[in-house]
Amino acid sequence: MGLDGPVVFVILIVVLLLFGGKKIPELMKGLGKGVKEFKDAQDPSKDEEKPKV
């Protein structure tokens, strides 16, 4: 059982009503940063490539 088109559409409408149009980009930006930090933490080899300042 997956998420069909109408179900996703209803979820998006509910999120828009709850948070408003101005808050959604901020939420997505924070979510993106969190996912990036999580992926960076999962791959320790990237830490070796970054120069230590």
PDB file of N, CA and C in Angstrom:
ATOM      1  N   MET A   1       0.840  -1.182   0.000  1.00  0.00           N
ATOM      2  CA  MET A   1       0.000   0.000   0.000  1.00  0.00           C
ATOM      3  C   MET A   1       0.886   1.246   0.000  1.00  0.00           C
ATOM      4  N   GLY A   2       0.872   1.962  -1.091  1.00  0.00           N
ATOM      5  CA  GLY A   2       1.685   3.159  -1.213  1.00  0.00           C
ATOM      6  C   GLY A   2       0.840   4.409  -1.117  1.00  0.00           C
ATOM      7  N   LEU A   3       1.503   5.525  -1.236  1.00  0.00           N
ATOM      8  CA  LEU A   3       0.793   6.797  -1.220  1.00  0.00           C
ATOM      9  C   LEU A   3       0.382   7.140  -2.646  1.00  0.00           C
ATOM     10  N   ASP A   4      -0.912   7.168  -2.899  1.00  0.00           N
ATOM     11  CA  ASP A   4      -1.414   7.515  -4.219  1.00  0.00           C
ATOM     12  C   ASP A   4      -1.428   9.024  -4.394  1.00  0.00           C
ATOM     13  N   GLY A   5      -1.666   9.476  -5.612  1.00  0.00           N
ATOM     14  CA  GLY A   5      -1.675  10.903  -5.924  1.00  0.00           C
ATOM     15  C   GLY A   5      -2.630  11.718  -5.080  1.00  0.00           C
ATOM     16  N   PRO A   6      -3.900  11.308  -4.970  1.00  0.00           N
ATOM     17  CA  PRO A   6      -4.847  12.106  -4.175  1.00  0.00           C
ATOM     18  C   PRO A   6      -4.473  12.180  -2.687  1.00  0.00           C
ATOM     19  N   VAL A   7      -3.895  11.120  -2.155  1.00  0.00           N
ATOM     20  CA  VAL A   7      -3.503  11.115  -0.744  1.00  0.00           C
ATOM     21  C   VAL A   7      -2.374  12.119  -0.519  1.00  0.00           C
ATOM     22  N   VAL A   8      -1.393  12.124  -1.404  1.00  0.00           N
ATOM     23  CA  VAL A   8      -0.278  13.074  -1.287  1.00  0.00           C
ATOM     24  C   VAL A   8      -0.793  14.502  -1.416  1.00  0.00           C
ATOM     25  N   PHE A   9      -1.736  14.708  -2.327  1.00  0.00           N
ATOM     26  CA  PHE A   9      -2.305  16.039  -2.521  1.00  0.00           C
ATOM     27  C   PHE A   9      -3.010  16.523  -1.258  1.00  0.00           C
ATOM     28  N   VAL A  10      -3.783  15.668  -0.623  1.00  0.00           N
ATOM     29  CA  VAL A  10      -4.485  16.032   0.604  1.00  0.00           C
ATOM     30  C   VAL A  10      -3.481  16.336   1.719  1.00  0.00           C
ATOM     31  N   ILE A  11      -2.422  15.546   1.824  1.00  0.00           N
ATOM     32  CA  ILE A  11      -1.397  15.790   2.843  1.00  0.00           C
ATOM     33  C   ILE A  11      -0.736  17.146   2.615  1.00  0.00           C
ATOM     34  N   LEU A  12      -0.426  17.476   1.370  1.00  0.00           N
ATOM     35  CA  LEU A  12       0.187  18.773   1.066  1.00  0.00           C
ATOM     36  C   LEU A  12      -0.742  19.930   1.423  1.00  0.00           C
ATOM     37  N   ILE A  13      -2.030  19.783   1.163  1.00  0.00           N
ATOM     38  CA  ILE A  13      -2.997  20.828   1.503  1.00  0.00           C
ATOM     39  C   ILE A  13      -3.060  21.020   3.025  1.00  0.00           C
ATOM     40  N   VAL A  14      -3.065  19.916   3.763  1.00  0.00           N
ATOM     41  CA  VAL A  14      -3.124  20.000   5.230  1.00  0.00           C
ATOM     42  C   VAL A  14      -1.871  20.679   5.770  1.00  0.00           C
ATOM     43  N   VAL A  15      -0.705  20.334   5.241  1.00  0.00           N
ATOM     44  CA  VAL A  15       0.546  20.969   5.682  1.00  0.00           C
ATOM     45  C   VAL A  15       0.515  22.460   5.371  1.00  0.00           C
ATOM     46  N   LEU A  16       0.018  22.810   4.203  1.00  0.00           N
ATOM     47  CA  LEU A  16      -0.075  24.229   3.837  1.00  0.00           C
ATOM     48  C   LEU A  16      -1.001  24.979   4.783  1.00  0.00           C
ATOM     49  N   LEU A  17      -2.106  24.363   5.153  1.00  0.00           N
ATOM     50  CA  LEU A  17      -3.039  25.016   6.076  1.00  0.00           C
ATOM     51  C   LEU A  17      -2.457  25.142   7.484  1.00  0.00           C
ATOM     52  N   LEU A  18      -1.712  24.131   7.917  1.00  0.00           N
ATOM     53  CA  LEU A  18      -1.160  24.153   9.268  1.00  0.00           C
ATOM     54  C   LEU A  18      -0.028  25.165   9.421  1.00  0.00           C
ATOM     55  N   PHE A  19       0.879  25.199   8.458  1.00  0.00           N
ATOM     56  CA  PHE A  19       2.088  26.007   8.608  1.00  0.00           C
ATOM     57  C   PHE A  19       2.061  27.310   7.836  1.00  0.00           C
ATOM     58  N   GLY A  20       1.232  27.425   6.836  1.00  0.00           N
ATOM     59  CA  GLY A  20       1.189  28.646   6.033  1.00  0.00           C
ATOM     60  C   GLY A  20       2.265  28.645   4.968  1.00  0.00           C
ATOM     61  N   GLY A  21       2.075  29.466   3.962  1.00  0.00           N
ATOM     62  CA  GLY A  21       2.981  29.496   2.816  1.00  0.00           C
ATOM     63  C   GLY A  21       4.361  30.028   3.118  1.00  0.00           C
ATOM     64  N   LYS A  22       4.489  30.914   4.091  1.00  0.00           N
ATOM     65  CA  LYS A  22       5.796  31.520   4.381  1.00  0.00           C
ATOM     66  C   LYS A  22       6.686  30.604   5.203  1.00  0.00           C
ATOM     67  N   LYS A  23       6.084  29.715   5.972  1.00  0.00           N
ATOM     68  CA  LYS A  23       6.862  28.885   6.884  1.00  0.00           C
ATOM     69  C   LYS A  23       7.406  27.635   6.193  1.00  0.00           C
ATOM     70  N   ILE A  24       6.766  27.184   5.125  1.00  0.00           N
ATOM     71  CA  ILE A  24       7.149  25.926   4.476  1.00  0.00           C
ATOM     72  C   ILE A  24       8.579  25.968   3.927  1.00  0.00           C
ATOM     73  N   PRO A  25       9.019  27.023   3.222  1.00  0.00           N
ATOM     74  CA  PRO A  25      10.418  27.038   2.752  1.00  0.00           C
ATOM     75  C   PRO A  25      11.431  26.945   3.884  1.00  0.00           C
ATOM     76  N   GLU A  26      11.128  27.587   5.017  1.00  0.00           N
ATOM     77  CA  GLU A  26      12.031  27.505   6.169  1.00  0.00           C
ATOM     78  C   GLU A  26      12.093  26.078   6.704  1.00  0.00           C
ATOM     79  N   LEU A  27      10.950  25.407   6.756  1.00  0.00           N
ATOM     80  CA  LEU A  27      10.913  24.020   7.228  1.00  0.00           C
ATOM     81  C   LEU A  27      11.701  23.102   6.287  1.00  0.00           C
ATOM     82  N   MET A  28      11.542  23.304   4.990  1.00  0.00           N
ATOM     83  CA  MET A  28      12.249  22.456   4.015  1.00  0.00           C
ATOM     84  C   MET A  28      13.752  22.711   4.060  1.00  0.00           C
ATOM     85  N   LYS A  29      14.145  23.967   4.281  1.00  0.00           N
ATOM     86  CA  LYS A  29      15.566  24.303   4.387  1.00  0.00           C
ATOM     87  C   LYS A  29      16.184  23.612   5.601  1.00  0.00           C
ATOM     88  N   GLY A  30      15.485  23.657   6.717  1.00  0.00           N
ATOM     89  CA  GLY A  30      15.962  22.985   7.927  1.00  0.00           C
ATOM     90  C   GLY A  30      16.018  21.482   7.751  1.00  0.00           C
ATOM     91  N   LEU A  31      15.015  20.924   7.073  1.00  0.00           N
ATOM     92  CA  LEU A  31      15.004  19.485   6.821  1.00  0.00           C
ATOM     93  C   LEU A  31      16.171  19.088   5.923  1.00  0.00           C
ATOM     94  N   GLY A  32      16.444  19.897   4.906  1.00  0.00           N
ATOM     95  CA  GLY A  32      17.564  19.623   4.007  1.00  0.00           C
ATOM     96  C   GLY A  32      18.902  19.656   4.727  1.00  0.00           C
ATOM     97  N   LYS A  33      19.081  20.629   5.605  1.00  0.00           N
ATOM     98  CA  LYS A  33      20.319  20.715   6.379  1.00  0.00           C
ATOM     99  C   LYS A  33      20.471  19.493   7.287  1.00  0.00           C
ATOM    100  N   GLY A  34      19.369  19.088   7.895  1.00  0.00           N
ATOM    101  CA  GLY A  34      19.405  17.917   8.779  1.00  0.00           C
ATOM    102  C   GLY A  34      19.774  16.650   8.038  1.00  0.00           C
ATOM    103  N   VAL A  35      19.205  16.465   6.854  1.00  0.00           N
ATOM    104  CA  VAL A  35      19.522  15.280   6.048  1.00  0.00           C
ATOM    105  C   VAL A  35      20.972  15.309   5.610  1.00  0.00           C
ATOM    106  N   LYS A  36      21.469  16.499   5.220  1.00  0.00           N
ATOM    107  CA  LYS A  36      22.871  16.612   4.790  1.00  0.00           C
ATOM    108  C   LYS A  36      23.824  16.284   5.935  1.00  0.00           C
ATOM    109  N   GLU A  37      23.526  16.806   7.126  1.00  0.00           N
ATOM    110  CA  GLU A  37      24.381  16.522   8.279  1.00  0.00           C
ATOM    111  C   GLU A  37      24.342  15.036   8.630  1.00  0.00           C
ATOM    112  N   PHE A  38      23.178  14.429   8.505  1.00  0.00           N
ATOM    113  CA  PHE A  38      23.045  12.998   8.794  1.00  0.00           C
ATOM    114  C   PHE A  38      23.869  12.170   7.812  1.00  0.00           C
ATOM    115  N   LYS A  39      23.800  12.525   6.527  1.00  0.00           N
ATOM    116  CA  LYS A  39      24.577  11.793   5.521  1.00  0.00           C
ATOM    117  C   LYS A  39      26.078  11.988   5.737  1.00  0.00           C
ATOM    118  N   ASP A  40      26.470  13.207   6.097  1.00  0.00           N
ATOM    119  CA  ASP A  40      27.890  13.470   6.369  1.00  0.00           C
ATOM    120  C   ASP A  40      28.374  12.667   7.570  1.00  0.00           C
ATOM    121  N   ALA A  41      27.536  12.515   8.568  1.00  0.00           N
ATOM    122  CA  ALA A  41      27.910  11.751   9.757  1.00  0.00           C
ATOM    123  C   ALA A  41      27.992  10.255   9.447  1.00  0.00           C
ATOM    124  N   GLN A  42      27.244   9.799   8.460  1.00  0.00           N
ATOM    125  CA  GLN A  42      27.247   8.384   8.096  1.00  0.00           C
ATOM    126  C   GLN A  42      28.525   7.996   7.357  1.00  0.00           C
ATOM    127  N   ASP A  43      29.164   8.952   6.680  1.00  0.00           N
ATOM    128  CA  ASP A  43      30.330   8.662   5.852  1.00  0.00           C
ATOM    129  C   ASP A  43      31.575   9.301   6.475  1.00  0.00           C
ATOM    130  N   PRO A  44      32.305   8.557   7.304  1.00  0.00           N
ATOM    131  CA  PRO A  44      33.471   9.155   7.979  1.00  0.00           C
ATOM    132  C   PRO A  44      34.620   9.487   7.034  1.00  0.00           C
ATOM    133  N   SER A  45      34.657   8.919   5.826  1.00  0.00           N
ATOM    134  CA  SER A  45      35.761   9.207   4.904  1.00  0.00           C
ATOM    135  C   SER A  45      35.725  10.653   4.429  1.00  0.00           C
ATOM    136  N   LYS A  46      34.543  11.289   4.432  1.00  0.00           N
ATOM    137  CA  LYS A  46      34.452  12.692   4.019  1.00  0.00           C
ATOM    138  C   LYS A  46      35.135  13.611   5.016  1.00  0.00           C
ATOM    139  N   ASP A  47      35.179  13.207   6.282  1.00  0.00           N
ATOM    140  CA  ASP A  47      35.836  14.034   7.288  1.00  0.00           C
ATOM    141  C   ASP A  47      37.322  14.155   7.022  1.00  0.00           C
ATOM    142  N   GLU A  48      37.927  13.115   6.468  1.00  0.00           N
ATOM    143  CA  GLU A  48      39.354  13.139   6.183  1.00  0.00           C
ATOM    144  C   GLU A  48      39.676  14.071   5.019  1.00  0.00           C
ATOM    145  N   GLU A  49      38.742  14.222   4.074  1.00  0.00           N
ATOM    146  CA  GLU A  49      38.988  15.055   2.903  1.00  0.00           C
ATOM    147  C   GLU A  49      38.880  16.542   3.223  1.00  0.00           C
ATOM    148  N   LYS A  50      38.084  16.915   4.208  1.00  0.00           N
ATOM    149  CA  LYS A  50      37.894  18.318   4.540  1.00  0.00           C
ATOM    150  C   LYS A  50      39.128  18.865   5.236  1.00  0.00           C
ATOM    151  N   PRO A  51      39.606  20.026   4.813  1.00  0.00           N
ATOM    152  CA  PRO A  51      40.765  20.617   5.497  1.00  0.00           C
ATOM    153  C   PRO A  51      40.384  21.124   6.861  1.00  0.00           C
ATOM    154  N   LYS A  52      41.227  20.869   7.831  1.00  0.00           N
ATOM    155  CA  LYS A  52      41.000  21.342   9.194  1.00  0.00           C
ATOM    156  C   LYS A  52      41.550  22.748   9.315  1.00  0.00           C
ATOM    157  N   VAL A  53      40.717  23.677   9.736  1.00  0.00           N
ATOM    158  CA  VAL A  53      41.155  25.079   9.842  1.00  0.00           C
ATOM    159  C   VAL A  53      41.236  25.466  11.285  1.00  0.00           C
TER     160      VAL A  53
END
